[in-house]
Amino acid sequence: MKYLSLLTLLCWVMYPSYGQSTHLGGAVDISFEKGRLESEFVLTNLPQHDLSLSFMLHSDLTIKRISLNDQKISFTKTKEDCYDCKVYSIDFPKALEPTDRISIETGGKFKTFKPGQNKKDYKGNIVNNYGILRASEQAKWYPVIISKGKNLPAFLRKYSYTFDLRATCDCKSIYIGRGVPQASGGHFVSKESSKDIMLIAGDYEWKEGEKAIFINIMEEGLIARLDSLFSSISAYYEAYTKIDMPTKYVMAHLPSDHPRWGGFMTYPTIVNVQKSMGNRNLSAYLSHEVAHYLFGDVYQAEGNLFWFYLESFAEYFSYKYLLQHDPAAMRGDYRRLKSIKDFVRLDQVTKFSQVTSTARYIIGPFQLLALEHRIGEDRMLDLIAAVFPKLKTSDDGYRVLIDSLKEIGLEEDTIASIEAELFHHFDPLSYDFVETQLQKK
């Protein structure tokens, strides 16, 4: 790792941290021959005046050395819960200052699967499937500082970084974070702070379209269809919210063997993990993932209803798009809604994990559609603008929702009716208005 240390120092000297965001610099070396991921990261612009910090790192990676201003310091592994990862703590001899920098040297083997073997794959893996190495932000392939004082478990309290990383690999293409893939020795820089940094490496091809960069997707007809959908979905969300959507996405096809997993988003990277990628369900899939720019980046979920505010709001926007452009794509979800048996009362949720998959992706989005049906689109936008900022300071996401309904001007009896008919129990008749909209096309 000596050459990495030199390169890390060079990166730090040539590219200082930007603005007030904590900055992640350094070098990454990927070896498919050895199945190893070796890195040396340099963190600068750290939280000032802190005497300690904690960070997460994937369980398959080990820490070789941590230095403060080139002086080796000790660290401890904590017992804090961390899915896919371990939590480490560093105590400093004195409070951090603006010029301090922390170097963290890591290394470890990544799992390589033969085609058809990785049937339990998930986003938290650092894994080589079908000759492509994948590591999302959930895999924590880089040290992720844990934000303090939030009502969430450690693995959801991710820190935002600007970054400046160089990467080497015994492969053809490397992609880190955003932009286009590069060859070994590539330089990846972002002056925009992000909680999500994706790594994709392997002997894949890529193309740049009008609205997206396509990784491991080479069929011209599919690229044209995807480009058209990105344009249509972004235009719809911009017209509704008056919020500028990204000018360019990254769409990656990274095949996996999990039979019930379709994909995920590590903004701005949208990943499809199906074995083969065709035109089926693309509008429903992309409209949800693109909505995560709004609900996940612009508006950030917190607290006990984390999954409701993150996933249900994104799927609600997806439903709105589908009702206008492809109603047939949500008819299956509407049929599932009518036979719901595991209704989750949001006012009774105390832990974020109690919001089940069905509640996140079916019940919640339809509740929000029904709420909009009662109060109108303009007030729904007012509600979104009012409710999300309050989540940072409250432990009760449901109370924040009701208080925000009052703030945007709803009468007490209207709110009581909404609570009784939408949130306190499940009544299929509350969603019959969707039936008419589904018959439009």
Protein backbone atom coordinates (compact mmCIF):
# COMPACT_ATOMS: atom_id res chain seq x y z
CA MET A 1 0.00 0.00 0.00
CA LYS A 2 2.99 2.37 -0.14
CA TYR A 3 2.03 3.64 -3.59
CA LEU A 4 -1.49 4.24 -2.32
CA SER A 5 -0.17 6.27 0.61
CA LEU A 6 1.81 8.50 -1.75
CA LEU A 7 -1.13 8.91 -4.08
CA THR A 8 -3.43 9.68 -1.16
CA LEU A 9 -1.15 12.45 0.06
CA LEU A 10 -0.92 13.85 -3.47
CA CYS A 11 -4.71 13.89 -3.78
CA TRP A 12 -5.01 15.67 -0.45
CA VAL A 13 -2.48 18.35 -1.40
CA MET A 14 -3.85 18.97 -4.89
CA TYR A 15 -7.54 18.77 -4.06
CA PRO A 16 -8.44 20.26 -0.67
CA SER A 17 -11.89 19.79 0.80
CA TYR A 18 -14.68 21.82 -0.69
CA GLY A 19 -16.82 24.22 1.34
CA GLN A 20 -17.85 23.03 4.76
CA SER A 21 -18.66 19.40 3.89
CA THR A 22 -16.50 16.63 5.22
CA HIS A 23 -14.30 15.47 2.35
CA LEU A 24 -13.36 11.90 1.42
CA GLY A 25 -10.08 11.64 -0.48
CA GLY A 26 -7.71 8.82 -1.20
CA ALA A 27 -7.07 5.82 -3.39
CA VAL A 28 -8.77 2.49 -4.10
CA ASP A 29 -7.18 -0.61 -5.61
CA ILE A 30 -9.33 -3.47 -6.97
CA SER A 31 -7.90 -6.88 -7.82
CA PHE A 32 -10.20 -9.38 -9.50
CA GLU A 33 -7.34 -11.86 -9.68
CA LYS A 34 -6.94 -11.83 -5.89
CA GLY A 35 -10.55 -10.93 -5.08
CA ARG A 36 -9.36 -8.03 -2.93
CA LEU A 37 -10.39 -4.43 -2.32
CA GLU A 38 -7.58 -2.34 -0.79
CA SER A 39 -8.02 1.35 0.05
CA GLU A 40 -6.54 4.25 1.89
CA PHE A 41 -8.97 7.05 2.65
CA VAL A 42 -8.26 10.54 3.95
CA LEU A 43 -11.02 12.43 5.77
CA THR A 44 -10.70 16.23 6.01
CA ASN A 45 -13.00 19.09 7.00
CA LEU A 46 -14.06 16.97 9.95
CA PRO A 47 -16.66 17.98 12.57
CA GLN A 48 -14.81 20.60 14.58
CA HIS A 49 -14.42 20.54 18.37
CA ASP A 50 -15.30 16.83 18.59
CA LEU A 51 -13.22 14.64 20.91
CA SER A 52 -14.39 11.42 19.25
CA LEU A 53 -16.19 10.05 16.25
CA SER A 54 -17.68 6.74 15.16
CA PHE A 55 -17.80 5.28 11.68
CA MET A 56 -19.13 2.20 9.90
CA LEU A 57 -17.23 -0.19 7.63
CA HIS A 58 -18.37 -3.37 5.89
CA SER A 59 -17.84 -6.58 7.84
CA ASP A 60 -15.75 -8.11 5.03
CA LEU A 61 -13.20 -5.31 5.34
CA THR A 62 -10.61 -4.83 8.08
CA ILE A 63 -8.81 -1.74 9.30
CA LYS A 64 -5.05 -1.88 8.90
CA ARG A 65 -4.19 1.51 10.32
CA ILE A 66 -5.74 4.80 11.38
CA SER A 67 -3.65 7.98 11.58
CA LEU A 68 -4.37 11.51 12.74
CA ASN A 69 -2.14 13.97 10.89
CA ASP A 70 0.19 11.08 9.94
CA GLN A 71 0.48 9.87 13.57
CA LYS A 72 -0.93 6.41 14.24
CA ILE A 73 -3.84 6.40 16.71
CA SER A 74 -5.82 3.63 18.37
CA PHE A 75 -9.44 2.71 17.69
CA THR A 76 -12.02 0.34 19.14
CA LYS A 77 -14.73 -1.84 17.65
CA THR A 78 -18.05 -1.13 19.37
CA LYS A 79 -21.06 -3.37 19.96
CA GLU A 80 -23.48 -0.99 18.25
CA ASP A 81 -25.88 -2.69 15.83
CA CYS A 82 -24.92 -2.22 12.20
CA TYR A 83 -26.43 -4.27 9.38
CA ASP A 84 -23.74 -5.46 6.91
CA CYS A 85 -21.07 -3.63 8.86
CA LYS A 86 -19.15 -2.96 12.06
CA VAL A 87 -18.96 0.28 14.03
CA TYR A 88 -15.58 1.67 15.09
CA SER A 89 -14.85 4.48 17.51
CA ILE A 90 -11.89 6.86 17.67
CA ASP A 91 -11.00 9.01 20.68
CA PHE A 92 -8.79 12.01 19.95
CA PRO A 93 -6.13 13.45 22.27
CA LYS A 94 -7.68 16.91 21.75
CA ALA A 95 -10.65 18.45 20.01
CA LEU A 96 -10.53 18.35 16.22
CA GLU A 97 -9.43 21.47 14.37
CA PRO A 98 -10.12 22.57 10.76
CA THR A 99 -6.70 21.45 9.54
CA ASP A 100 -6.86 17.94 11.02
CA ARG A 101 -7.03 14.93 8.72
CA ILE A 102 -7.69 11.26 9.43
CA SER A 103 -6.22 8.49 7.27
CA ILE A 104 -7.97 5.10 7.36
CA GLU A 105 -6.30 2.19 5.58
CA THR A 106 -8.62 -0.76 4.84
CA GLY A 107 -8.47 -4.09 3.03
CA GLY A 108 -10.36 -7.29 2.53
CA LYS A 109 -11.63 -9.94 0.13
CA PHE A 110 -14.87 -9.55 -1.77
CA LYS A 111 -17.13 -12.51 -2.53
CA THR A 112 -17.18 -13.87 -6.09
CA PHE A 113 -20.11 -16.03 -7.19
CA LYS A 114 -20.54 -18.27 -10.19
CA PRO A 115 -23.64 -17.60 -12.32
CA GLY A 116 -26.79 -18.86 -10.60
CA GLN A 117 -25.26 -19.20 -7.12
CA ASN A 118 -25.96 -15.87 -5.36
CA LYS A 119 -29.64 -16.40 -4.64
CA LYS A 120 -29.55 -14.48 -1.33
CA ASP A 121 -27.90 -11.38 -2.73
CA TYR A 122 -28.88 -7.96 -1.37
CA LYS A 123 -27.79 -4.33 -1.50
CA GLY A 124 -25.50 -4.59 1.53
CA ASN A 125 -23.05 -6.97 -0.18
CA ILE A 126 -19.64 -6.15 -1.63
CA VAL A 127 -19.88 -8.77 -4.35
CA ASN A 128 -18.68 -9.88 -7.77
CA ASN A 129 -21.62 -11.22 -9.79
CA TYR A 130 -21.21 -12.13 -13.45
CA GLY A 131 -17.78 -10.51 -13.54
CA ILE A 132 -18.88 -7.11 -12.15
CA LEU A 133 -17.95 -5.88 -8.67
CA ARG A 134 -20.77 -3.99 -6.95
CA ALA A 135 -20.61 -1.98 -3.73
CA SER A 136 -23.39 0.46 -2.87
CA GLU A 137 -23.49 2.97 -0.04
CA GLN A 138 -25.29 0.33 2.07
CA ALA A 139 -22.26 -1.91 1.68
CA LYS A 140 -20.13 0.78 3.36
CA TRP A 141 -17.04 0.00 1.29
CA TYR A 142 -15.63 3.31 2.53
CA PRO A 143 -15.69 4.57 6.16
CA VAL A 144 -19.06 6.20 6.85
CA ILE A 145 -19.04 8.61 9.78
CA ILE A 146 -22.16 8.26 11.95
CA SER A 147 -24.14 11.45 12.43
CA LYS A 148 -25.01 12.19 16.04
CA GLY A 149 -28.26 12.97 17.81
CA LYS A 150 -30.81 11.47 15.42
CA ASN A 151 -33.66 9.12 16.20
CA LEU A 152 -32.38 6.33 13.96
CA PRO A 153 -30.07 3.32 14.31
CA ALA A 154 -26.44 3.83 13.37
CA PHE A 155 -26.64 2.26 9.91
CA LEU A 156 -29.18 4.90 8.81
CA ARG A 157 -27.24 7.88 10.20
CA LYS A 158 -24.92 8.23 7.23
CA TYR A 159 -22.62 11.22 6.83
CA SER A 160 -22.42 13.25 3.63
CA TYR A 161 -19.11 13.65 1.81
CA THR A 162 -17.64 15.49 -1.09
CA PHE A 163 -15.07 13.17 -2.59
CA ASP A 164 -11.89 12.94 -4.62
CA LEU A 165 -10.78 9.36 -5.24
CA ARG A 166 -8.37 7.64 -7.61
CA ALA A 167 -8.94 4.00 -8.47
CA THR A 168 -6.87 1.23 -10.03
CA CYS A 169 -8.11 -2.15 -11.19
CA ASP A 170 -7.08 -5.19 -13.23
CA CYS A 171 -10.31 -4.66 -15.17
CA LYS A 172 -11.58 -2.52 -18.04
CA SER A 173 -13.95 -0.03 -16.38
CA ILE A 174 -14.42 1.63 -12.97
CA TYR A 175 -17.32 3.82 -11.86
CA ILE A 176 -17.38 5.70 -8.55
CA GLY A 177 -20.17 7.98 -7.40
CA ARG A 178 -21.29 9.79 -10.55
CA GLY A 179 -20.27 10.69 -14.07
CA VAL A 180 -18.89 8.24 -16.63
CA PRO A 181 -16.86 5.08 -16.00
CA GLN A 182 -13.11 5.37 -16.41
CA ALA A 183 -10.15 3.09 -17.02
CA SER A 184 -7.71 2.01 -14.30
CA GLY A 185 -6.07 5.07 -12.74
CA GLY A 186 -9.26 7.10 -13.14
CA HIS A 187 -9.97 10.15 -11.03
CA PHE A 188 -13.45 10.56 -9.52
CA VAL A 189 -14.40 13.95 -8.04
CA SER A 190 -17.61 15.40 -6.64
CA LYS A 191 -17.90 18.89 -5.18
CA GLU A 192 -21.53 18.07 -4.33
CA SER A 193 -21.96 16.50 -0.90
CA SER A 194 -23.59 13.06 -0.95
CA LYS A 195 -24.44 10.20 1.41
CA ASP A 196 -24.41 7.76 -1.50
CA ILE A 197 -21.20 6.68 -3.24
CA MET A 198 -21.48 3.68 -5.56
CA LEU A 199 -18.61 1.51 -6.83
CA ILE A 200 -18.95 -0.58 -10.01
CA ALA A 201 -15.90 -2.27 -11.55
CA GLY A 202 -15.39 -4.94 -14.19
CA ASP A 203 -14.97 -5.67 -17.88
CA TYR A 204 -18.24 -4.02 -18.85
CA GLU A 205 -19.18 -1.64 -21.66
CA TRP A 206 -21.06 1.61 -21.26
CA LYS A 207 -22.80 4.24 -23.38
CA GLU A 208 -23.93 7.80 -22.77
CA GLY A 209 -27.47 8.71 -23.75
CA GLU A 210 -29.37 11.98 -23.65
CA LYS A 211 -30.75 11.61 -20.10
CA ALA A 212 -28.55 8.87 -18.63
CA ILE A 213 -25.25 7.04 -18.71
CA PHE A 214 -25.88 3.33 -19.30
CA ILE A 215 -23.59 0.77 -17.68
CA ASN A 216 -23.67 -2.81 -19.01
CA ILE A 217 -26.69 -1.92 -21.17
CA MET A 218 -25.86 -1.93 -24.86
CA GLU A 219 -29.13 -2.70 -26.70
CA GLU A 220 -30.03 0.44 -28.67
CA GLY A 221 -33.77 -0.10 -28.45
CA LEU A 222 -33.68 -0.52 -24.67
CA ILE A 223 -31.46 2.53 -24.27
CA ALA A 224 -33.92 4.60 -26.33
CA ARG A 225 -36.84 3.36 -24.19
CA LEU A 226 -35.00 4.11 -20.94
CA ASP A 227 -33.92 7.56 -22.13
CA SER A 228 -37.52 8.35 -23.06
CA LEU A 229 -38.79 7.24 -19.65
CA PHE A 230 -36.17 9.26 -17.75
CA SER A 231 -37.22 12.33 -19.74
CA SER A 232 -40.95 11.75 -19.23
CA ILE A 233 -40.72 10.98 -15.49
CA SER A 234 -38.39 13.89 -14.73
CA ALA A 235 -40.59 16.30 -16.68
CA TYR A 236 -43.69 15.13 -14.80
CA TYR A 237 -42.08 15.52 -11.37
CA GLU A 238 -40.61 18.92 -12.26
CA ALA A 239 -43.97 20.20 -13.50
CA TYR A 240 -45.71 19.02 -10.32
CA THR A 241 -43.14 20.07 -7.71
CA LYS A 242 -41.34 22.96 -9.48
CA ILE A 243 -38.11 21.29 -8.25
CA ASP A 244 -35.34 20.77 -10.81
CA MET A 245 -34.63 17.08 -11.31
CA PRO A 246 -31.15 15.78 -12.18
CA THR A 247 -30.06 16.45 -15.75
CA LYS A 248 -28.33 13.06 -16.00
CA TYR A 249 -28.89 9.72 -14.29
CA VAL A 250 -26.75 6.59 -14.31
CA MET A 251 -28.53 3.34 -15.18
CA ALA A 252 -26.63 0.14 -14.47
CA HIS A 253 -27.58 -3.47 -15.20
CA LEU A 254 -25.77 -5.55 -12.58
CA PRO A 255 -27.26 -9.06 -12.80
CA SER A 256 -27.91 -10.99 -9.59
CA ASP A 257 -29.49 -14.36 -8.86
CA HIS A 258 -31.96 -13.29 -6.16
CA PRO A 259 -35.33 -14.39 -7.61
CA ARG A 260 -37.42 -11.61 -6.00
CA TRP A 261 -35.09 -8.62 -6.18
CA GLY A 262 -35.54 -6.05 -8.91
CA GLY A 263 -33.06 -3.31 -8.09
CA PHE A 264 -32.23 -0.25 -6.02
CA MET A 265 -30.99 3.33 -6.15
CA THR A 266 -27.76 4.78 -4.83
CA TYR A 267 -28.29 8.31 -6.13
CA PRO A 268 -27.69 9.14 -8.95
CA THR A 269 -27.12 5.47 -9.82
CA ILE A 270 -30.19 3.36 -10.53
CA VAL A 271 -29.39 -0.36 -10.55
CA ASN A 272 -31.35 -3.19 -12.12
CA VAL A 273 -30.31 -6.59 -10.73
CA GLN A 274 -32.54 -8.88 -12.77
CA LYS A 275 -30.73 -11.52 -14.82
CA SER A 276 -31.98 -10.01 -18.05
CA MET A 277 -33.28 -6.49 -18.49
CA GLY A 278 -36.20 -5.90 -20.83
CA ASN A 279 -39.11 -3.50 -21.23
CA ARG A 280 -41.38 -5.14 -18.64
CA ASN A 281 -42.43 -2.90 -15.69
CA LEU A 282 -39.87 -0.23 -16.56
CA SER A 283 -42.24 2.69 -16.01
CA ALA A 284 -43.22 1.51 -12.51
CA TYR A 285 -39.61 0.69 -11.61
CA LEU A 286 -38.04 3.92 -12.86
CA SER A 287 -40.78 6.24 -11.62
CA HIS A 288 -40.20 4.93 -8.08
CA GLU A 289 -36.42 5.13 -8.24
CA VAL A 290 -36.36 8.60 -9.80
CA ALA A 291 -38.76 9.77 -7.07
CA HIS A 292 -36.07 8.88 -4.56
CA TYR A 293 -34.18 11.96 -5.66
CA LEU A 294 -37.05 13.91 -4.07
CA PHE A 295 -37.64 11.57 -1.13
CA GLY A 296 -34.19 10.68 0.06
CA ASP A 297 -32.17 13.62 -1.23
CA VAL A 298 -34.33 16.79 -1.34
CA TYR A 299 -36.66 15.63 1.46
CA GLN A 300 -35.00 13.40 4.05
CA ALA A 301 -36.79 10.85 6.19
CA GLU A 302 -36.16 10.55 9.93
CA GLY A 303 -37.53 8.84 13.01
CA ASN A 304 -39.97 6.02 13.75
CA LEU A 305 -41.81 6.41 10.42
CA PHE A 306 -38.58 6.47 8.42
CA TRP A 307 -39.78 3.90 5.87
CA PHE A 308 -43.15 5.60 5.41
CA TYR A 309 -41.56 8.96 4.65
CA LEU A 310 -38.85 7.44 2.44
CA GLU A 311 -40.56 4.64 0.52
CA SER A 312 -44.29 5.40 0.70
CA PHE A 313 -43.82 8.97 -0.51
CA ALA A 314 -41.58 7.82 -3.38
CA GLU A 315 -44.13 5.18 -4.41
CA TYR A 316 -46.96 7.72 -4.07
CA PHE A 317 -45.19 9.89 -6.64
CA SER A 318 -44.69 6.80 -8.80
CA TYR A 319 -48.42 6.06 -8.62
CA LYS A 320 -49.22 9.63 -9.64
CA TYR A 321 -47.00 9.29 -12.69
CA LEU A 322 -48.42 5.87 -13.61
CA LEU A 323 -52.03 7.05 -13.32
CA GLN A 324 -51.23 9.70 -15.92
CA HIS A 325 -48.97 7.70 -18.25
CA ASP A 326 -49.31 3.95 -17.67
CA PRO A 327 -52.27 3.00 -15.44
CA ALA A 328 -51.99 -0.70 -16.31
CA ALA A 329 -48.63 -0.80 -14.47
CA MET A 330 -50.30 -0.24 -11.08
CA ARG A 331 -53.41 -2.38 -11.43
CA GLY A 332 -51.69 -5.28 -9.72
CA ASP A 333 -50.88 -3.13 -6.68
CA TYR A 334 -54.51 -1.94 -6.57
CA ARG A 335 -55.72 -5.54 -6.52
CA ARG A 336 -53.27 -6.34 -3.71
CA LEU A 337 -54.54 -3.34 -1.75
CA LYS A 338 -58.08 -4.67 -1.81
CA SER A 339 -57.03 -7.86 -0.02
CA ILE A 340 -54.81 -6.32 2.68
CA LYS A 341 -54.72 -8.30 5.92
CA ASP A 342 -51.67 -6.89 7.75
CA PHE A 343 -52.69 -3.24 8.17
CA VAL A 344 -50.15 -1.12 10.07
CA ARG A 345 -51.48 1.80 12.13
CA LEU A 346 -48.94 4.57 11.82
CA ASP A 347 -50.03 6.16 15.10
CA GLN A 348 -49.08 2.95 16.92
CA VAL A 349 -45.60 2.55 15.42
CA THR A 350 -42.82 3.00 17.99
CA LYS A 351 -39.87 1.51 16.04
CA PHE A 352 -39.06 2.17 12.39
CA SER A 353 -38.87 -1.58 11.67
CA GLN A 354 -42.60 -1.98 12.43
CA VAL A 355 -43.45 -0.36 9.09
CA THR A 356 -43.58 -3.56 7.04
CA SER A 357 -42.83 -3.98 3.35
CA THR A 358 -46.56 -4.07 2.57
CA ALA A 359 -47.09 -0.89 4.58
CA ARG A 360 -44.19 0.87 2.83
CA TYR A 361 -44.94 -0.06 -0.75
CA ILE A 362 -48.72 -0.65 -0.91
CA ILE A 363 -50.73 0.74 2.01
CA GLY A 364 -48.73 3.93 2.56
CA PRO A 365 -48.69 5.10 -1.07
CA PHE A 366 -52.44 4.53 -1.41
CA GLN A 367 -53.06 6.36 1.87
CA LEU A 368 -51.18 9.32 0.41
CA LEU A 369 -53.14 9.13 -2.84
CA ALA A 370 -56.37 9.10 -0.83
CA LEU A 371 -55.17 12.00 1.27
CA GLU A 372 -54.41 13.99 -1.88
CA HIS A 373 -57.85 13.05 -3.24
CA ARG A 374 -59.40 14.73 -0.19
CA ILE A 375 -57.23 17.83 0.17
CA GLY A 376 -56.04 18.46 -3.40
CA GLU A 377 -52.63 18.56 -5.07
CA ASP A 378 -51.69 22.08 -3.93
CA ARG A 379 -52.26 21.32 -0.27
CA MET A 380 -50.47 18.00 -0.66
CA LEU A 381 -47.39 19.89 -1.84
CA ASP A 382 -47.81 22.27 1.11
CA LEU A 383 -47.95 19.24 3.41
CA ILE A 384 -44.72 17.80 2.00
CA ALA A 385 -42.95 21.12 2.45
CA ALA A 386 -44.24 21.39 6.03
CA VAL A 387 -43.78 17.87 7.33
CA PHE A 388 -40.24 16.87 6.32
CA PRO A 389 -38.31 19.66 8.09
CA LYS A 390 -40.10 18.80 11.36
CA LEU A 391 -38.91 15.18 11.27
CA LYS A 392 -35.40 16.22 12.29
CA THR A 393 -36.60 17.43 15.70
CA SER A 394 -39.41 14.99 16.56
CA ASP A 395 -39.50 11.38 17.72
CA ASP A 396 -43.13 10.94 16.60
CA GLY A 397 -43.57 10.93 12.83
CA TYR A 398 -47.34 10.49 13.05
CA ARG A 399 -47.80 13.50 15.34
CA VAL A 400 -45.67 15.54 12.93
CA LEU A 401 -48.01 14.50 10.10
CA ILE A 402 -51.15 15.56 11.98
CA ASP A 403 -49.59 18.82 13.16
CA SER A 404 -48.57 19.59 9.58
CA LEU A 405 -52.14 18.99 8.37
CA LYS A 406 -53.23 21.63 10.87
CA GLU A 407 -50.43 23.96 9.76
CA ILE A 408 -51.56 23.91 6.11
CA GLY A 409 -55.06 24.97 7.15
CA LEU A 410 -57.20 21.83 7.46
CA GLU A 411 -60.11 22.00 9.91
CA GLU A 412 -60.13 19.80 12.98
CA ASP A 413 -63.15 17.77 11.81
CA THR A 414 -61.52 17.15 8.41
CA ILE A 415 -58.35 15.89 10.08
CA ALA A 416 -60.39 13.68 12.42
CA SER A 417 -62.16 12.18 9.42
CA ILE A 418 -58.87 11.52 7.63
CA GLU A 419 -57.43 9.84 10.72
CA ALA A 420 -60.48 7.66 11.27
CA GLU A 421 -60.96 6.60 7.66
CA LEU A 422 -57.38 6.36 6.37
CA PHE A 423 -54.94 5.93 9.24
CA HIS A 424 -56.75 4.23 12.13
CA HIS A 425 -58.20 1.32 10.18
CA PHE A 426 -58.25 -0.10 6.67
CA ASP A 427 -61.36 0.41 4.55
CA PRO A 428 -61.08 -0.68 0.88
CA LEU A 429 -63.92 1.70 -0.03
CA SER A 430 -61.64 4.65 0.76
CA TYR A 431 -59.66 3.85 -2.39
CA ASP A 432 -62.47 3.26 -4.90
CA PHE A 433 -61.69 6.60 -6.58
CA VAL A 434 -58.58 4.94 -8.04
CA GLU A 435 -60.76 2.51 -10.01
CA THR A 436 -62.00 5.29 -12.29
CA GLN A 437 -58.49 6.56 -12.95
CA LEU A 438 -57.26 3.06 -13.79
CA GLN A 439 -59.81 2.85 -16.62
CA LYS A 440 -58.45 5.94 -18.40
CA LYS A 441 -56.15 3.99 -20.70
